[in-house]
C-alpha atoms as a PDB file:
ATOM      1  CA  UNK A   1      19.261 -11.227  -7.600  1.00  0.00           C
ATOM      2  CA  UNK A   2      22.075 -13.664  -8.573  1.00  0.00           C
ATOM      3  CA  UNK A   3      21.550 -16.990 -10.317  1.00  0.00           C
ATOM      4  CA  UNK A   4      22.273 -20.182  -8.191  1.00  0.00           C
ATOM      5  CA  UNK A   5      25.674 -21.758  -8.720  1.00  0.00           C
ATOM      6  CA  UNK A   6      24.101 -25.036  -9.767  1.00  0.00           C
ATOM      7  CA  UNK A   7      20.947 -25.754 -11.598  1.00  0.00           C
ATOM      8  CA  UNK A   8      18.160 -26.807  -9.274  1.00  0.00           C
ATOM      9  CA  UNK A   9      17.671 -30.227 -11.013  1.00  0.00           C
ATOM     10  CA  UNK A  10      21.064 -31.580 -10.044  1.00  0.00           C
ATOM     11  CA  UNK A  11      19.565 -33.477  -7.138  1.00  0.00           C
ATOM     12  CA  UNK A  12      22.186 -32.462  -4.654  1.00  0.00           C
ATOM     13  CA  UNK A  13      19.432 -32.407  -1.992  1.00  0.00           C
ATOM     14  CA  UNK A  14      19.089 -36.177  -2.360  1.00  0.00           C
ATOM     15  CA  UNK A  15      22.823 -36.887  -2.274  1.00  0.00           C
ATOM     16  CA  UNK A  16      22.850 -37.584   1.392  1.00  0.00           C
ATOM     17  CA  UNK A  17      20.226 -40.300   0.850  1.00  0.00           C
ATOM     18  CA  UNK A  18      22.159 -42.018  -1.985  1.00  0.00           C
ATOM     19  CA  UNK A  19      25.652 -41.573  -0.670  1.00  0.00           C
ATOM     20  CA  UNK A  20      27.193 -44.784   0.713  1.00  0.00           C
ATOM     21  CA  UNK A  21      26.792 -45.133   4.479  1.00  0.00           C
ATOM     22  CA  UNK A  22      29.689 -45.798   6.726  1.00  0.00           C
ATOM     23  CA  UNK A  23      29.362 -49.264   8.314  1.00  0.00           C
ATOM     24  CA  UNK A  24      28.804 -49.353  12.089  1.00  0.00           C
ATOM     25  CA  UNK A  25      31.179 -51.141  14.399  1.00  0.00           C
ATOM     26  CA  UNK A  26      28.770 -53.976  14.784  1.00  0.00           C
ATOM     27  CA  UNK A  27      28.629 -54.402  10.947  1.00  0.00           C
ATOM     28  CA  UNK A  28      32.492 -54.377  10.781  1.00  0.00           C
ATOM     29  CA  UNK A  29      32.686 -56.923  13.515  1.00  0.00           C
ATOM     30  CA  UNK A  30      30.123 -59.203  11.857  1.00  0.00           C
ATOM     31  CA  UNK A  31      32.108 -59.108   8.641  1.00  0.00           C
ATOM     32  CA  UNK A  32      35.601 -59.804  10.167  1.00  0.00           C
ATOM     33  CA  UNK A  33      35.612 -60.755  13.858  1.00  0.00           C
ATOM     34  CA  UNK A  34      39.378 -61.640  13.759  1.00  0.00           C
ATOM     35  CA  UNK A  35      40.115 -57.998  12.730  1.00  0.00           C
ATOM     36  CA  UNK A  36      38.615 -56.774  15.893  1.00  0.00           C
ATOM     37  CA  UNK A  37      40.326 -59.406  17.952  1.00  0.00           C
ATOM     38  CA  UNK A  38      43.632 -58.199  16.661  1.00  0.00           C
ATOM     39  CA  UNK A  39      42.687 -54.581  17.141  1.00  0.00           C
ATOM     40  CA  UNK A  40      41.616 -55.102  20.709  1.00  0.00           C
ATOM     41  CA  UNK A  41      44.706 -57.236  21.504  1.00  0.00           C
ATOM     42  CA  UNK A  42      46.950 -54.509  19.988  1.00  0.00           C
ATOM     43  CA  UNK A  43      45.219 -51.708  21.857  1.00  0.00           C
ATOM     44  CA  UNK A  44      45.573 -53.645  25.103  1.00  0.00           C
ATOM     45  CA  UNK A  45      49.186 -54.296  24.467  1.00  0.00           C
ATOM     46  CA  UNK A  46      49.839 -50.584  23.948  1.00  0.00           C
ATOM     47  CA  UNK A  47      47.672 -49.312  26.760  1.00  0.00           C
ATOM     48  CA  UNK A  48      49.281 -51.914  29.017  1.00  0.00           C
ATOM     49  CA  UNK A  49      52.704 -50.321  28.399  1.00  0.00           C
ATOM     50  CA  UNK A  50      54.064 -52.944  26.086  1.00  0.00           C
ATOM     51  CA  UNK A  51      55.148 -50.481  23.416  1.00  0.00           C
ATOM     52  CA  UNK A  52      58.524 -49.636  24.883  1.00  0.00           C
ATOM     53  CA  UNK A  53      59.561 -53.172  25.858  1.00  0.00           C
ATOM     54  CA  UNK A  54      62.537 -55.267  24.653  1.00  0.00           C
ATOM     55  CA  UNK A  55      60.020 -57.678  23.086  1.00  0.00           C
ATOM     56  CA  UNK A  56      58.456 -54.897  20.945  1.00  0.00           C
ATOM     57  CA  UNK A  57      62.000 -53.708  19.778  1.00  0.00           C
ATOM     58  CA  UNK A  58      62.913 -57.290  18.864  1.00  0.00           C
ATOM     59  CA  UNK A  59      59.598 -57.715  17.021  1.00  0.00           C
ATOM     60  CA  UNK A  60      60.027 -54.576  15.063  1.00  0.00           C
ATOM     61  CA  UNK A  61      63.680 -55.586  14.186  1.00  0.00           C
ATOM     62  CA  UNK A  62      62.540 -58.994  12.991  1.00  0.00           C
ATOM     63  CA  UNK A  63      59.642 -57.511  11.075  1.00  0.00           C
ATOM     64  CA  UNK A  64      61.867 -55.014   9.420  1.00  0.00           C
ATOM     65  CA  UNK A  65      64.287 -57.714   8.311  1.00  0.00           C
ATOM     66  CA  UNK A  66      61.492 -59.933   7.095  1.00  0.00           C
ATOM     67  CA  UNK A  67      59.474 -57.377   5.075  1.00  0.00           C
ATOM     68  CA  UNK A  68      61.480 -54.189   4.354  1.00  0.00           C
ATOM     69  CA  UNK A  69      64.901 -55.613   3.645  1.00  0.00           C
ATOM     70  CA  UNK A  70      63.861 -57.967   0.833  1.00  0.00           C
ATOM     71  CA  UNK A  71      62.033 -54.985  -0.834  1.00  0.00           C
ATOM     72  CA  UNK A  72      65.196 -52.878  -0.629  1.00  0.00           C
ATOM     73  CA  UNK A  73      67.345 -55.633  -1.994  1.00  0.00           C
ATOM     74  CA  UNK A  74      64.982 -56.201  -4.899  1.00  0.00           C
ATOM     75  CA  UNK A  75      65.002 -52.458  -5.600  1.00  0.00           C
ATOM     76  CA  UNK A  76      68.792 -52.264  -5.729  1.00  0.00           C
ATOM     77  CA  UNK A  77      69.080 -55.400  -7.773  1.00  0.00           C
ATOM     78  CA  UNK A  78      66.568 -54.077 -10.365  1.00  0.00           C
ATOM     79  CA  UNK A  79      68.604 -50.834 -10.562  1.00  0.00           C
ATOM     80  CA  UNK A  80      71.858 -52.667 -11.002  1.00  0.00           C
ATOM     81  CA  UNK A  81      70.398 -54.870 -13.786  1.00  0.00           C
ATOM     82  CA  UNK A  82      69.046 -51.758 -15.564  1.00  0.00           C
ATOM     83  CA  UNK A  83      72.496 -50.166 -15.497  1.00  0.00           C
ATOM     84  CA  UNK A  84      74.133 -53.225 -16.952  1.00  0.00           C
ATOM     85  CA  UNK A  85      71.946 -53.203 -19.940  1.00  0.00           C
END
């Protein structure tokens, strides 16, 4: 007979009772209803066929310019300043 891998007093049997529970959809909605409104609107937009429209392409282009481009510029400026030192 082999010995158990873990001692019996490790309380692993009670782990499922003490582990944090995943929140239900209702609890998530109660915490942040605007998040759900955005998710539902986004899902409806995608299901409705709005993903491949000119508006979506334009919105992605504007979003890229607004959020990604400044980060890339900052990265290159920091690299250039480090090389000048």
